[in-house]
Amino acid sequence: MQELLNDHTDRIKNTLGVSQSSFAYISGLLQHKTSFCNSRGISSDEQLGIFLFAVATNMSMRRIAERFQRSTSTIHLVYHRVMRFLVDPAIYDSIIRPAIATTAIADQIANNSSFFPYFKDCIGAADGTHILVSPTNCDKSL
């Protein structure tokens, strides 16, 4: 994690999907508004990095465990722990605001002909980033 946080700015963006300043902002927010902190040999930065890597890459827990050299059970626990903090009302209610009709379309969408005609009504996404989401087989049948 220290390499990503201290290395070239493009590296963390390519690996975790956020800039160094965004990572620092999210980490600080979690630490100041919740009880998010280091736990049993894993720094809070590594925990957040594991979560963001999982979201950005859509890899299996097994592959993420290999990447971070942790057990799959540790990766699973860390992922769910960070998720719980992100949906904590202290974070969610103070940071996430519903989009309204006057919410501007993200520049990454408005200025890209590959996105604009198809995502012109998608407002409220943080910095215009689109994250691949795959429903489970049970949910696909609904």
Protein backbone atom coordinates (compact mmCIF):
# COMPACT_ATOMS: atom_id res chain seq x y z
CA MET A 1 0.00 0.00 0.00
CA GLN A 2 2.82 2.39 0.79
CA GLU A 3 4.15 1.97 -2.76
CA LEU A 4 0.77 2.92 -4.18
CA LEU A 5 0.36 5.87 -1.84
CA ASN A 6 3.86 7.23 -2.41
CA ASP A 7 4.58 6.21 -6.01
CA HIS A 8 3.56 7.84 -9.29
CA THR A 9 0.04 9.30 -9.14
CA ASP A 10 -1.21 7.19 -12.07
CA ARG A 11 -0.34 3.94 -10.31
CA ILE A 12 -2.88 4.22 -7.50
CA LYS A 13 -5.56 5.42 -9.94
CA ASN A 14 -4.90 2.43 -12.22
CA THR A 15 -4.82 -0.06 -9.35
CA LEU A 16 -7.52 1.16 -6.95
CA GLY A 17 -9.59 3.42 -9.18
CA VAL A 18 -9.00 6.55 -7.05
CA SER A 19 -6.39 9.28 -6.94
CA GLN A 20 -3.98 9.67 -4.01
CA SER A 21 -5.94 12.68 -2.76
CA SER A 22 -9.25 10.80 -3.02
CA PHE A 23 -7.80 7.86 -1.13
CA ALA A 24 -6.54 10.19 1.62
CA TYR A 25 -9.93 11.91 1.76
CA ILE A 26 -11.89 8.65 2.09
CA SER A 27 -9.43 7.28 4.65
CA GLY A 28 -9.56 10.47 6.74
CA LEU A 29 -13.33 10.60 6.52
CA LEU A 30 -13.68 7.02 7.72
CA GLN A 31 -11.25 7.58 10.59
CA HIS A 32 -12.77 10.87 11.77
CA LYS A 33 -16.47 10.04 11.45
CA THR A 34 -16.43 6.36 12.48
CA SER A 35 -14.31 4.01 14.59
CA PHE A 36 -12.40 2.81 11.49
CA CYS A 37 -8.79 2.14 12.51
CA ASN A 38 -5.90 -0.31 12.29
CA SER A 39 -6.80 -3.84 13.32
CA ARG A 40 -4.77 -6.98 14.05
CA GLY A 41 -1.78 -6.34 11.86
CA ILE A 42 -3.61 -4.60 9.01
CA SER A 43 -3.41 -0.83 8.75
CA SER A 44 -6.52 1.16 7.97
CA ASP A 45 -4.92 2.18 4.66
CA GLU A 46 -4.41 -1.47 3.67
CA GLN A 47 -8.00 -2.29 4.64
CA LEU A 48 -9.33 0.53 2.47
CA GLY A 49 -6.94 -0.50 -0.31
CA ILE A 50 -8.21 -4.08 -0.21
CA PHE A 51 -11.80 -2.88 -0.44
CA LEU A 52 -11.12 -0.47 -3.31
CA PHE A 53 -9.05 -3.06 -5.18
CA ALA A 54 -11.92 -5.56 -4.87
CA VAL A 55 -14.44 -3.03 -6.17
CA ALA A 56 -12.19 -1.75 -8.97
CA THR A 57 -11.07 -5.15 -10.27
CA ASN A 58 -14.08 -7.41 -9.61
CA MET A 59 -11.61 -10.19 -8.74
CA SER A 60 -12.44 -13.16 -6.56
CA MET A 61 -11.54 -13.08 -2.86
CA ARG A 62 -8.98 -15.80 -3.56
CA ARG A 63 -7.15 -13.68 -6.14
CA ILE A 64 -7.29 -10.60 -3.92
CA ALA A 65 -5.91 -12.67 -1.04
CA GLU A 66 -3.00 -13.70 -3.23
CA ARG A 67 -2.36 -10.11 -4.31
CA PHE A 68 -2.32 -8.81 -0.72
CA GLN A 69 -0.74 -11.95 0.76
CA ARG A 70 -3.58 -12.46 3.24
CA SER A 71 -5.93 -15.34 3.86
CA THR A 72 -9.25 -15.39 2.02
CA SER A 73 -11.07 -15.19 5.35
CA THR A 74 -9.10 -12.03 6.24
CA ILE A 75 -9.91 -10.47 2.87
CA HIS A 76 -13.59 -11.34 3.32
CA LEU A 77 -13.66 -9.83 6.83
CA VAL A 78 -11.83 -6.67 5.75
CA TYR A 79 -14.08 -6.16 2.72
CA HIS A 80 -17.25 -6.42 4.78
CA ARG A 81 -15.79 -4.32 7.59
CA VAL A 82 -14.98 -1.43 5.26
CA MET A 83 -18.39 -1.75 3.57
CA ARG A 84 -20.11 -1.48 6.95
CA PHE A 85 -18.20 1.72 7.70
CA LEU A 86 -19.05 3.21 4.31
CA VAL A 87 -22.78 2.68 4.82
CA ASP A 88 -22.62 3.90 8.43
CA PRO A 89 -25.04 6.86 8.78
CA ALA A 90 -22.15 9.08 9.96
CA ILE A 91 -20.61 8.68 6.50
CA TYR A 92 -23.49 7.85 4.19
CA ASP A 93 -26.00 10.46 5.39
CA SER A 94 -23.46 13.28 5.56
CA ILE A 95 -21.69 12.63 2.24
CA ILE A 96 -24.11 10.91 -0.15
CA ARG A 97 -26.71 13.26 -1.52
CA PRO A 98 -29.47 12.16 -3.88
CA ALA A 99 -29.21 13.57 -7.38
CA ILE A 100 -31.78 16.15 -8.38
CA ALA A 101 -32.87 17.43 -11.78
CA THR A 102 -30.32 20.26 -11.70
CA THR A 103 -27.36 17.98 -10.87
CA ALA A 104 -24.73 18.43 -13.55
CA ILE A 105 -23.69 15.50 -15.73
CA ALA A 106 -20.12 14.47 -14.95
CA ASP A 107 -17.58 15.85 -17.45
CA GLN A 108 -16.28 12.33 -18.10
CA ILE A 109 -19.73 11.44 -19.41
CA ALA A 110 -20.75 14.72 -21.05
CA ASN A 111 -17.49 15.09 -22.98
CA ASN A 112 -17.18 11.50 -24.16
CA SER A 113 -19.19 10.44 -27.19
CA SER A 114 -18.90 6.81 -26.11
CA PHE A 115 -20.83 7.58 -22.90
CA PHE A 116 -22.97 10.67 -23.41
CA PRO A 117 -25.79 9.47 -25.58
CA TYR A 118 -26.18 6.35 -23.45
CA PHE A 119 -25.57 7.70 -19.93
CA LYS A 120 -26.90 11.25 -20.27
CA ASP A 121 -29.51 10.61 -17.57
CA CYS A 122 -27.05 9.00 -15.14
CA ILE A 123 -26.43 11.77 -12.66
CA GLY A 124 -24.96 11.70 -9.20
CA ALA A 125 -22.11 9.25 -9.84
CA ALA A 126 -18.96 10.18 -7.95
CA ASP A 127 -16.53 11.68 -10.49
CA GLY A 128 -18.27 9.88 -13.35
CA THR A 129 -16.67 6.54 -12.55
CA HIS A 130 -18.67 3.53 -13.67
CA ILE A 131 -18.10 0.35 -11.67
CA LEU A 132 -18.90 -3.05 -13.12
CA VAL A 133 -21.55 -4.78 -11.01
CA SER A 134 -22.44 -8.40 -11.57
CA PRO A 135 -25.61 -9.73 -9.93
CA THR A 136 -25.60 -13.24 -8.53
CA ASN A 137 -27.23 -16.00 -10.59
CA CYS A 138 -30.24 -15.94 -8.26
CA ASP A 139 -30.72 -12.21 -8.81
CA LYS A 140 -30.30 -12.52 -12.57
CA SER A 141 -33.49 -14.58 -12.77
CA LEU A 142 -35.56 -11.79 -11.16
